[in-house]
């Protein structure tokens, strides 16, 4: 079989792996592109064509480790100190693979090699021996790294968006589009958080978020288009100027009947990845 026939079905899985490692969809796309280029060049010398999956994941993991040596970790504003690089959201529809944002954020606080070890072992299903081979280390070192990494990661698995969550998200959207700040504030948990990467500010608690909205965003008209990101309801938000122009991808976390966190990823750069237009007709 050709390289393309063997490698292309793995593209989505490789992209999700690189996103988990790097915390950035754009960086992940670059790493996968490099992986395919290196793989294509080396493919004629690959003797075990049945082993193309671990072979490509070894290349991809090494590309990610190299990238991580060159720059700092990515974070959310709620975790940040100094001048960090910001996490980016993951469009659920991109590959059909869901990647929980809290899981990716926690991964960024692990050293790169333990991060790779736990992803290869517990997300991708490689054995300890296979993982050791992919990372060029020992089984004992892999097991030790995975054990340490487990303690730092969220215990809960990603959850699907259920009808109750969708109702809350729909009401949140309607309140924004009608400019009803009191309705928005009424949906917030007492300890809700609101952040806007790449800005460092974090608003904590319903009163602080309400004051921020009244002081700025609520003075304008908005349209929200629903999407999904990192297993959560999300919206492409549009600010009315001459037209409704792309403003942010807002990821909304709902617990029970309350919104507990909003991460508003500012700017139009990610809209194409979500299949969203960059502007809407004001009519």
C-alpha atoms as a PDB file:
ATOM      1  CA  UNK A   1       0.000   0.000   0.000  1.00  0.00           C
ATOM      2  CA  UNK A   2       1.052   3.609  -0.509  1.00  0.00           C
ATOM      3  CA  UNK A   3       2.090   5.911   2.324  1.00  0.00           C
ATOM      4  CA  UNK A   4      -1.033   8.008   1.830  1.00  0.00           C
ATOM      5  CA  UNK A   5      -3.349   5.000   2.074  1.00  0.00           C
ATOM      6  CA  UNK A   6      -1.770   3.885   5.354  1.00  0.00           C
ATOM      7  CA  UNK A   7      -1.217   7.296   6.938  1.00  0.00           C
ATOM      8  CA  UNK A   8      -4.273   9.348   6.010  1.00  0.00           C
ATOM      9  CA  UNK A   9      -6.741   7.371   8.214  1.00  0.00           C
ATOM     10  CA  UNK A  10      -4.506   8.256  11.185  1.00  0.00           C
ATOM     11  CA  UNK A  11      -4.462  12.012  10.547  1.00  0.00           C
ATOM     12  CA  UNK A  12      -7.297  12.884  12.954  1.00  0.00           C
ATOM     13  CA  UNK A  13      -5.867  10.752  15.758  1.00  0.00           C
ATOM     14  CA  UNK A  14      -2.419  12.248  15.216  1.00  0.00           C
ATOM     15  CA  UNK A  15      -3.851  15.779  15.228  1.00  0.00           C
ATOM     16  CA  UNK A  16      -5.675  15.183  18.521  1.00  0.00           C
ATOM     17  CA  UNK A  17      -2.493  13.719  20.045  1.00  0.00           C
ATOM     18  CA  UNK A  18      -0.406  16.713  19.000  1.00  0.00           C
ATOM     19  CA  UNK A  19      -3.095  19.085  20.308  1.00  0.00           C
ATOM     20  CA  UNK A  20      -3.031  17.335  23.695  1.00  0.00           C
ATOM     21  CA  UNK A  21       0.750  17.617  23.752  1.00  0.00           C
ATOM     22  CA  UNK A  22       0.973  21.248  22.593  1.00  0.00           C
ATOM     23  CA  UNK A  23      -2.319  22.869  23.637  1.00  0.00           C
ATOM     24  CA  UNK A  24      -2.638  24.626  20.282  1.00  0.00           C
ATOM     25  CA  UNK A  25      -4.593  23.586  17.205  1.00  0.00           C
ATOM     26  CA  UNK A  26      -2.281  25.598  14.952  1.00  0.00           C
ATOM     27  CA  UNK A  27       0.879  24.079  16.471  1.00  0.00           C
ATOM     28  CA  UNK A  28      -0.699  20.616  16.253  1.00  0.00           C
ATOM     29  CA  UNK A  29      -1.458  21.095  12.559  1.00  0.00           C
ATOM     30  CA  UNK A  30       2.168  22.110  11.965  1.00  0.00           C
ATOM     31  CA  UNK A  31       3.436  19.048  13.879  1.00  0.00           C
ATOM     32  CA  UNK A  32       1.206  16.691  11.893  1.00  0.00           C
ATOM     33  CA  UNK A  33       2.292  18.297   8.633  1.00  0.00           C
ATOM     34  CA  UNK A  34       5.945  17.742   9.598  1.00  0.00           C
ATOM     35  CA  UNK A  35       5.134  14.185  10.667  1.00  0.00           C
ATOM     36  CA  UNK A  36       3.595  13.359   7.294  1.00  0.00           C
ATOM     37  CA  UNK A  37       6.490  14.944   5.422  1.00  0.00           C
ATOM     38  CA  UNK A  38       9.108  13.039   7.425  1.00  0.00           C
ATOM     39  CA  UNK A  39       7.061   9.859   7.227  1.00  0.00           C
ATOM     40  CA  UNK A  40       6.643  10.139   3.462  1.00  0.00           C
ATOM     41  CA  UNK A  41      10.392  10.639   2.977  1.00  0.00           C
ATOM     42  CA  UNK A  42      11.279   7.657   5.189  1.00  0.00           C
ATOM     43  CA  UNK A  43       8.462   5.356   4.057  1.00  0.00           C
ATOM     44  CA  UNK A  44      10.407   3.503   1.348  1.00  0.00           C
ATOM     45  CA  UNK A  45      12.822   2.251   4.039  1.00  0.00           C
ATOM     46  CA  UNK A  46      10.091   1.121   6.461  1.00  0.00           C
ATOM     47  CA  UNK A  47      10.206  -2.678   6.580  1.00  0.00           C
ATOM     48  CA  UNK A  48       7.156  -3.310   8.796  1.00  0.00           C
ATOM     49  CA  UNK A  49       4.269  -1.672   6.948  1.00  0.00           C
ATOM     50  CA  UNK A  50       1.846  -3.098   9.535  1.00  0.00           C
ATOM     51  CA  UNK A  51       3.617  -1.001  12.162  1.00  0.00           C
ATOM     52  CA  UNK A  52       2.923   2.358  10.531  1.00  0.00           C
ATOM     53  CA  UNK A  53       0.714   3.592  13.424  1.00  0.00           C
ATOM     54  CA  UNK A  54       3.373   3.402  16.195  1.00  0.00           C
ATOM     55  CA  UNK A  55       5.975   4.617  13.722  1.00  0.00           C
ATOM     56  CA  UNK A  56       3.978   7.760  12.910  1.00  0.00           C
ATOM     57  CA  UNK A  57       3.152   8.396  16.557  1.00  0.00           C
ATOM     58  CA  UNK A  58       6.845   8.174  17.393  1.00  0.00           C
ATOM     59  CA  UNK A  59       7.600  10.813  14.745  1.00  0.00           C
ATOM     60  CA  UNK A  60       4.717  13.026  15.894  1.00  0.00           C
ATOM     61  CA  UNK A  61       5.639  12.745  19.573  1.00  0.00           C
ATOM     62  CA  UNK A  62       9.245  13.647  18.834  1.00  0.00           C
ATOM     63  CA  UNK A  63       8.115  16.668  16.800  1.00  0.00           C
ATOM     64  CA  UNK A  64       6.003  17.796  19.773  1.00  0.00           C
ATOM     65  CA  UNK A  65       8.841  17.270  22.244  1.00  0.00           C
ATOM     66  CA  UNK A  66      11.128  19.335  20.036  1.00  0.00           C
ATOM     67  CA  UNK A  67       8.515  22.103  19.842  1.00  0.00           C
ATOM     68  CA  UNK A  68       8.087  22.081  23.625  1.00  0.00           C
ATOM     69  CA  UNK A  69      11.819  22.493  24.150  1.00  0.00           C
ATOM     70  CA  UNK A  70      11.670  25.680  22.091  1.00  0.00           C
ATOM     71  CA  UNK A  71       8.877  27.408  23.962  1.00  0.00           C
ATOM     72  CA  UNK A  72       6.964  27.469  27.255  1.00  0.00           C
ATOM     73  CA  UNK A  73       3.784  25.680  28.171  1.00  0.00           C
ATOM     74  CA  UNK A  74       0.348  26.879  27.148  1.00  0.00           C
ATOM     75  CA  UNK A  75      -2.148  27.848  29.831  1.00  0.00           C
ATOM     76  CA  UNK A  76      -5.519  29.382  30.527  1.00  0.00           C
ATOM     77  CA  UNK A  77      -5.647  32.835  32.163  1.00  0.00           C
ATOM     78  CA  UNK A  78      -6.954  31.218  35.367  1.00  0.00           C
ATOM     79  CA  UNK A  79      -3.685  29.234  35.643  1.00  0.00           C
ATOM     80  CA  UNK A  80      -1.243  31.730  34.240  1.00  0.00           C
ATOM     81  CA  UNK A  81       1.723  33.561  35.649  1.00  0.00           C
ATOM     82  CA  UNK A  82       4.161  35.791  33.820  1.00  0.00           C
ATOM     83  CA  UNK A  83       3.556  36.008  30.076  1.00  0.00           C
ATOM     84  CA  UNK A  84       2.395  32.545  29.009  1.00  0.00           C
ATOM     85  CA  UNK A  85       1.279  31.199  25.679  1.00  0.00           C
ATOM     86  CA  UNK A  86      -2.475  30.619  25.676  1.00  0.00           C
ATOM     87  CA  UNK A  87      -4.301  27.376  25.123  1.00  0.00           C
ATOM     88  CA  UNK A  88      -6.551  27.185  22.094  1.00  0.00           C
ATOM     89  CA  UNK A  89      -9.947  25.455  21.831  1.00  0.00           C
ATOM     90  CA  UNK A  90     -10.464  22.166  19.980  1.00  0.00           C
ATOM     91  CA  UNK A  91     -13.387  21.944  17.487  1.00  0.00           C
ATOM     92  CA  UNK A  92     -15.251  18.705  18.252  1.00  0.00           C
ATOM     93  CA  UNK A  93     -16.429  18.435  14.648  1.00  0.00           C
ATOM     94  CA  UNK A  94     -12.894  18.603  13.239  1.00  0.00           C
ATOM     95  CA  UNK A  95     -12.120  14.901  13.635  1.00  0.00           C
ATOM     96  CA  UNK A  96     -15.006  13.518  15.686  1.00  0.00           C
ATOM     97  CA  UNK A  97     -12.626  13.229  18.655  1.00  0.00           C
ATOM     98  CA  UNK A  98     -13.512  15.094  21.862  1.00  0.00           C
ATOM     99  CA  UNK A  99     -10.655  16.583  23.893  1.00  0.00           C
ATOM    100  CA  UNK A 100     -11.642  18.008  27.298  1.00  0.00           C
ATOM    101  CA  UNK A 101     -10.147  21.469  27.888  1.00  0.00           C
ATOM    102  CA  UNK A 102      -9.516  20.876  31.604  1.00  0.00           C
ATOM    103  CA  UNK A 103      -7.583  17.719  30.717  1.00  0.00           C
ATOM    104  CA  UNK A 104      -5.436  19.553  28.162  1.00  0.00           C
ATOM    105  CA  UNK A 105      -4.853  22.445  30.595  1.00  0.00           C
ATOM    106  CA  UNK A 106      -3.703  19.999  33.290  1.00  0.00           C
ATOM    107  CA  UNK A 107      -1.432  18.208  30.817  1.00  0.00           C
ATOM    108  CA  UNK A 108       0.433  21.453  30.139  1.00  0.00           C
ATOM    109  CA  UNK A 109       1.677  21.443  33.755  1.00  0.00           C
ATOM    110  CA  UNK A 110       3.396  18.080  33.265  1.00  0.00           C
ATOM    111  CA  UNK A 111       6.970  17.918  31.960  1.00  0.00           C
ATOM    112  CA  UNK A 112       6.945  17.034  28.253  1.00  0.00           C
ATOM    113  CA  UNK A 113       8.130  13.415  28.470  1.00  0.00           C
ATOM    114  CA  UNK A 114       5.720  12.341  31.268  1.00  0.00           C
ATOM    115  CA  UNK A 115       3.020  14.134  29.281  1.00  0.00           C
ATOM    116  CA  UNK A 116       3.886  12.047  26.246  1.00  0.00           C
ATOM    117  CA  UNK A 117       4.088   8.855  28.313  1.00  0.00           C
ATOM    118  CA  UNK A 118       0.612   9.135  29.814  1.00  0.00           C
ATOM    119  CA  UNK A 119      -0.943  10.080  26.475  1.00  0.00           C
ATOM    120  CA  UNK A 120       0.676   7.173  24.663  1.00  0.00           C
ATOM    121  CA  UNK A 121      -0.251   4.725  27.425  1.00  0.00           C
ATOM    122  CA  UNK A 122      -3.680   5.791  28.608  1.00  0.00           C
ATOM    123  CA  UNK A 123      -5.197   7.738  25.729  1.00  0.00           C
ATOM    124  CA  UNK A 124      -3.735   5.969  22.703  1.00  0.00           C
ATOM    125  CA  UNK A 125      -3.520   2.502  24.256  1.00  0.00           C
ATOM    126  CA  UNK A 126       0.113   1.627  23.619  1.00  0.00           C
ATOM    127  CA  UNK A 127       1.601  -0.887  26.040  1.00  0.00           C
ATOM    128  CA  UNK A 128       4.326   0.110  28.483  1.00  0.00           C
ATOM    129  CA  UNK A 129       6.867  -1.687  26.310  1.00  0.00           C
ATOM    130  CA  UNK A 130       5.617   0.019  23.142  1.00  0.00           C
ATOM    131  CA  UNK A 131       5.624   3.416  24.862  1.00  0.00           C
ATOM    132  CA  UNK A 132       9.170   2.848  26.092  1.00  0.00           C
ATOM    133  CA  UNK A 133      10.212   2.053  22.526  1.00  0.00           C
ATOM    134  CA  UNK A 134       8.502   5.129  21.133  1.00  0.00           C
ATOM    135  CA  UNK A 135      10.152   7.389  23.705  1.00  0.00           C
ATOM    136  CA  UNK A 136      13.550   5.665  23.722  1.00  0.00           C
ATOM    137  CA  UNK A 137      13.413   4.845  27.418  1.00  0.00           C
ATOM    138  CA  UNK A 138      12.731   1.903  29.741  1.00  0.00           C
ATOM    139  CA  UNK A 139       9.460   0.278  30.813  1.00  0.00           C
ATOM    140  CA  UNK A 140      10.261   1.157  34.430  1.00  0.00           C
ATOM    141  CA  UNK A 141      10.721   4.818  33.505  1.00  0.00           C
ATOM    142  CA  UNK A 142       7.424   4.829  31.578  1.00  0.00           C
ATOM    143  CA  UNK A 143       5.508   3.243  34.459  1.00  0.00           C
ATOM    144  CA  UNK A 144       7.010   5.714  36.932  1.00  0.00           C
ATOM    145  CA  UNK A 145       6.180   8.712  34.690  1.00  0.00           C
ATOM    146  CA  UNK A 146       2.604   7.533  34.149  1.00  0.00           C
ATOM    147  CA  UNK A 147       2.064   6.969  37.868  1.00  0.00           C
ATOM    148  CA  UNK A 148       3.256  10.499  38.680  1.00  0.00           C
ATOM    149  CA  UNK A 149       1.251  12.018  35.851  1.00  0.00           C
ATOM    150  CA  UNK A 150      -2.021  10.391  36.942  1.00  0.00           C
ATOM    151  CA  UNK A 151      -1.921  12.325  40.215  1.00  0.00           C
ATOM    152  CA  UNK A 152      -1.815  15.650  38.386  1.00  0.00           C
ATOM    153  CA  UNK A 153      -4.687  15.035  35.964  1.00  0.00           C
ATOM    154  CA  UNK A 154      -8.443  15.429  36.434  1.00  0.00           C
ATOM    155  CA  UNK A 155     -10.100  12.189  37.482  1.00  0.00           C
ATOM    156  CA  UNK A 156     -13.331  12.785  35.591  1.00  0.00           C
ATOM    157  CA  UNK A 157     -13.605  11.722  31.972  1.00  0.00           C
ATOM    158  CA  UNK A 158     -14.963  14.134  29.359  1.00  0.00           C
ATOM    159  CA  UNK A 159     -18.765  14.346  29.509  1.00  0.00           C
ATOM    160  CA  UNK A 160     -21.156  14.577  26.602  1.00  0.00           C
ATOM    161  CA  UNK A 161     -23.411  17.590  26.278  1.00  0.00           C
ATOM    162  CA  UNK A 162     -26.831  16.490  27.564  1.00  0.00           C
ATOM    163  CA  UNK A 163     -30.235  18.117  26.894  1.00  0.00           C
ATOM    164  CA  UNK A 164     -30.219  20.005  30.209  1.00  0.00           C
ATOM    165  CA  UNK A 165     -26.831  21.516  29.409  1.00  0.00           C
ATOM    166  CA  UNK A 166     -28.020  22.457  25.937  1.00  0.00           C
ATOM    167  CA  UNK A 167     -31.045  24.242  27.445  1.00  0.00           C
ATOM    168  CA  UNK A 168     -28.794  26.314  29.712  1.00  0.00           C
ATOM    169  CA  UNK A 169     -26.480  27.096  26.795  1.00  0.00           C
ATOM    170  CA  UNK A 170     -29.456  28.094  24.640  1.00  0.00           C
ATOM    171  CA  UNK A 171     -30.753  30.425  27.338  1.00  0.00           C
ATOM    172  CA  UNK A 172     -27.249  31.914  27.712  1.00  0.00           C
ATOM    173  CA  UNK A 173     -27.151  32.591  23.980  1.00  0.00           C
ATOM    174  CA  UNK A 174     -30.611  34.170  24.008  1.00  0.00           C
ATOM    175  CA  UNK A 175     -29.687  36.441  26.914  1.00  0.00           C
ATOM    176  CA  UNK A 176     -26.593  37.686  25.089  1.00  0.00           C
ATOM    177  CA  UNK A 177     -28.465  38.334  21.858  1.00  0.00           C
ATOM    178  CA  UNK A 178     -31.186  40.257  23.703  1.00  0.00           C
ATOM    179  CA  UNK A 179     -28.623  42.214  25.766  1.00  0.00           C
ATOM    180  CA  UNK A 180     -30.119  40.984  29.047  1.00  0.00           C
ATOM    181  CA  UNK A 181     -27.195  41.214  31.483  1.00  0.00           C
ATOM    182  CA  UNK A 182     -29.359  40.356  34.478  1.00  0.00           C
ATOM    183  CA  UNK A 183     -30.410  37.114  32.780  1.00  0.00           C
ATOM    184  CA  UNK A 184     -26.771  36.276  32.009  1.00  0.00           C
ATOM    185  CA  UNK A 185     -25.747  36.992  35.599  1.00  0.00           C
ATOM    186  CA  UNK A 186     -28.642  34.935  36.881  1.00  0.00           C
ATOM    187  CA  UNK A 187     -27.307  31.858  35.098  1.00  0.00           C
ATOM    188  CA  UNK A 188     -23.839  32.144  36.612  1.00  0.00           C
ATOM    189  CA  UNK A 189     -22.650  30.047  39.516  1.00  0.00           C
ATOM    190  CA  UNK A 190     -21.575  32.088  42.537  1.00  0.00           C
ATOM    191  CA  UNK A 191     -17.915  31.195  41.874  1.00  0.00           C
ATOM    192  CA  UNK A 192     -18.097  31.422  38.072  1.00  0.00           C
ATOM    193  CA  UNK A 193     -15.003  32.467  36.116  1.00  0.00           C
ATOM    194  CA  UNK A 194     -14.769  34.493  32.901  1.00  0.00           C
ATOM    195  CA  UNK A 195     -11.523  34.847  30.960  1.00  0.00           C
ATOM    196  CA  UNK A 196     -10.552  36.072  27.498  1.00  0.00           C
ATOM    197  CA  UNK A 197      -7.275  34.710  26.105  1.00  0.00           C
ATOM    198  CA  UNK A 198      -4.983  36.361  25.039  1.00  0.00           C
ATOM    199  CA  UNK A 199      -5.920  38.999  27.652  1.00  0.00           C
ATOM    200  CA  UNK A 200      -4.675  38.126  31.144  1.00  0.00           C
ATOM    201  CA  UNK A 201      -7.715  39.412  33.044  1.00  0.00           C
ATOM    202  CA  UNK A 202      -9.917  36.917  34.889  1.00  0.00           C
ATOM    203  CA  UNK A 203     -13.275  37.907  36.376  1.00  0.00           C
ATOM    204  CA  UNK A 204     -14.313  35.739  39.311  1.00  0.00           C
ATOM    205  CA  UNK A 205     -17.811  35.546  40.739  1.00  0.00           C
ATOM    206  CA  UNK A 206     -21.172  36.564  39.304  1.00  0.00           C
ATOM    207  CA  UNK A 207     -21.048  40.188  40.604  1.00  0.00           C
ATOM    208  CA  UNK A 208     -17.627  40.854  39.056  1.00  0.00           C
ATOM    209  CA  UNK A 209     -18.649  39.286  35.737  1.00  0.00           C
ATOM    210  CA  UNK A 210     -21.896  41.282  35.685  1.00  0.00           C
ATOM    211  CA  UNK A 211     -20.002  44.536  36.319  1.00  0.00           C
ATOM    212  CA  UNK A 212     -17.537  43.738  33.543  1.00  0.00           C
ATOM    213  CA  UNK A 213     -20.330  43.000  31.064  1.00  0.00           C
ATOM    214  CA  UNK A 214     -22.172  46.210  31.912  1.00  0.00           C
ATOM    215  CA  UNK A 215     -18.971  48.228  31.558  1.00  0.00           C
ATOM    216  CA  UNK A 216     -18.107  46.909  28.094  1.00  0.00           C
ATOM    217  CA  UNK A 217     -19.556  43.997  26.088  1.00  0.00           C
ATOM    218  CA  UNK A 218     -23.217  44.620  26.989  1.00  0.00           C
ATOM    219  CA  UNK A 219     -23.031  48.071  25.375  1.00  0.00           C
ATOM    220  CA  UNK A 220     -22.981  46.360  21.970  1.00  0.00           C
ATOM    221  CA  UNK A 221     -25.244  44.045  19.996  1.00  0.00           C
ATOM    222  CA  UNK A 222     -24.222  40.412  19.522  1.00  0.00           C
ATOM    223  CA  UNK A 223     -25.055  37.304  17.548  1.00  0.00           C
ATOM    224  CA  UNK A 224     -24.017  33.838  18.775  1.00  0.00           C
ATOM    225  CA  UNK A 225     -23.711  30.793  16.493  1.00  0.00           C
ATOM    226  CA  UNK A 226     -23.656  27.474  18.386  1.00  0.00           C
ATOM    227  CA  UNK A 227     -20.856  24.960  17.939  1.00  0.00           C
ATOM    228  CA  UNK A 228     -18.987  22.437  20.114  1.00  0.00           C
ATOM    229  CA  UNK A 229     -15.464  22.692  21.541  1.00  0.00           C
ATOM    230  CA  UNK A 230     -13.594  20.378  23.893  1.00  0.00           C
ATOM    231  CA  UNK A 231     -16.761  18.426  24.642  1.00  0.00           C
ATOM    232  CA  UNK A 232     -18.599  21.561  25.782  1.00  0.00           C
ATOM    233  CA  UNK A 233     -21.164  23.910  24.277  1.00  0.00           C
ATOM    234  CA  UNK A 234     -19.478  26.780  22.488  1.00  0.00           C
ATOM    235  CA  UNK A 235     -20.392  29.766  20.372  1.00  0.00           C
ATOM    236  CA  UNK A 236     -18.881  31.775  17.616  1.00  0.00           C
ATOM    237  CA  UNK A 237     -19.676  35.314  18.778  1.00  0.00           C
ATOM    238  CA  UNK A 238     -20.228  38.231  16.411  1.00  0.00           C
ATOM    239  CA  UNK A 239     -20.103  41.924  17.292  1.00  0.00           C
ATOM    240  CA  UNK A 240     -22.289  44.321  15.307  1.00  0.00           C
ATOM    241  CA  UNK A 241     -20.404  47.014  13.467  1.00  0.00           C
ATOM    242  CA  UNK A 242     -21.498  47.600   9.846  1.00  0.00           C
ATOM    243  CA  UNK A 243     -21.985  43.834   9.847  1.00  0.00           C
ATOM    244  CA  UNK A 244     -21.790  41.231  12.576  1.00  0.00           C
ATOM    245  CA  UNK A 245     -18.047  40.520  12.652  1.00  0.00           C
ATOM    246  CA  UNK A 246     -16.308  37.508  14.188  1.00  0.00           C
ATOM    247  CA  UNK A 247     -15.183  38.367  17.716  1.00  0.00           C
ATOM    248  CA  UNK A 248     -14.448  35.205  19.705  1.00  0.00           C
ATOM    249  CA  UNK A 249     -15.006  31.505  20.250  1.00  0.00           C
ATOM    250  CA  UNK A 250     -16.708  31.215  23.645  1.00  0.00           C
ATOM    251  CA  UNK A 251     -16.440  27.884  25.456  1.00  0.00           C
ATOM    252  CA  UNK A 252     -19.136  27.533  28.136  1.00  0.00           C
ATOM    253  CA  UNK A 253     -18.929  25.068  31.029  1.00  0.00           C
ATOM    254  CA  UNK A 254     -22.246  24.116  32.625  1.00  0.00           C
ATOM    255  CA  UNK A 255     -22.738  22.246  35.885  1.00  0.00           C
ATOM    256  CA  UNK A 256     -26.357  21.435  36.680  1.00  0.00           C
ATOM    257  CA  UNK A 257     -28.365  24.550  35.841  1.00  0.00           C
ATOM    258  CA  UNK A 258     -25.491  27.031  36.179  1.00  0.00           C
ATOM    259  CA  UNK A 259     -22.708  28.352  33.975  1.00  0.00           C
ATOM    260  CA  UNK A 260     -19.499  27.831  35.946  1.00  0.00           C
ATOM    261  CA  UNK A 261     -16.927  29.112  33.467  1.00  0.00           C
ATOM    262  CA  UNK A 262     -16.677  30.990  30.194  1.00  0.00           C
ATOM    263  CA  UNK A 263     -13.426  31.052  28.252  1.00  0.00           C
ATOM    264  CA  UNK A 264     -13.711  33.546  25.414  1.00  0.00           C
ATOM    265  CA  UNK A 265     -10.910  32.954  22.888  1.00  0.00           C
ATOM    266  CA  UNK A 266     -10.650  36.366  21.255  1.00  0.00           C
ATOM    267  CA  UNK A 267     -10.130  37.013  17.568  1.00  0.00           C
ATOM    268  CA  UNK A 268     -11.338  35.521  14.263  1.00  0.00           C
ATOM    269  CA  UNK A 269      -8.333  33.260  13.591  1.00  0.00           C
ATOM    270  CA  UNK A 270     -10.021  30.057  14.817  1.00  0.00           C
ATOM    271  CA  UNK A 271     -13.373  30.563  13.072  1.00  0.00           C
ATOM    272  CA  UNK A 272     -12.399  28.619   9.905  1.00  0.00           C
ATOM    273  CA  UNK A 273     -11.423  25.574  12.003  1.00  0.00           C
ATOM    274  CA  UNK A 274     -14.956  25.592  13.455  1.00  0.00           C
ATOM    275  CA  UNK A 275     -16.555  25.999  10.041  1.00  0.00           C
ATOM    276  CA  UNK A 276     -17.938  29.404  11.032  1.00  0.00           C
ATOM    277  CA  UNK A 277     -18.153  32.480   8.763  1.00  0.00           C
ATOM    278  CA  UNK A 278     -16.133  35.563   9.617  1.00  0.00           C
ATOM    279  CA  UNK A 279     -19.134  37.873   9.281  1.00  0.00           C
ATOM    280  CA  UNK A 280     -22.936  37.769   9.280  1.00  0.00           C
ATOM    281  CA  UNK A 281     -25.533  39.904   7.535  1.00  0.00           C
ATOM    282  CA  UNK A 282     -27.040  42.318  10.090  1.00  0.00           C
ATOM    283  CA  UNK A 283     -30.511  41.419   8.841  1.00  0.00           C
END
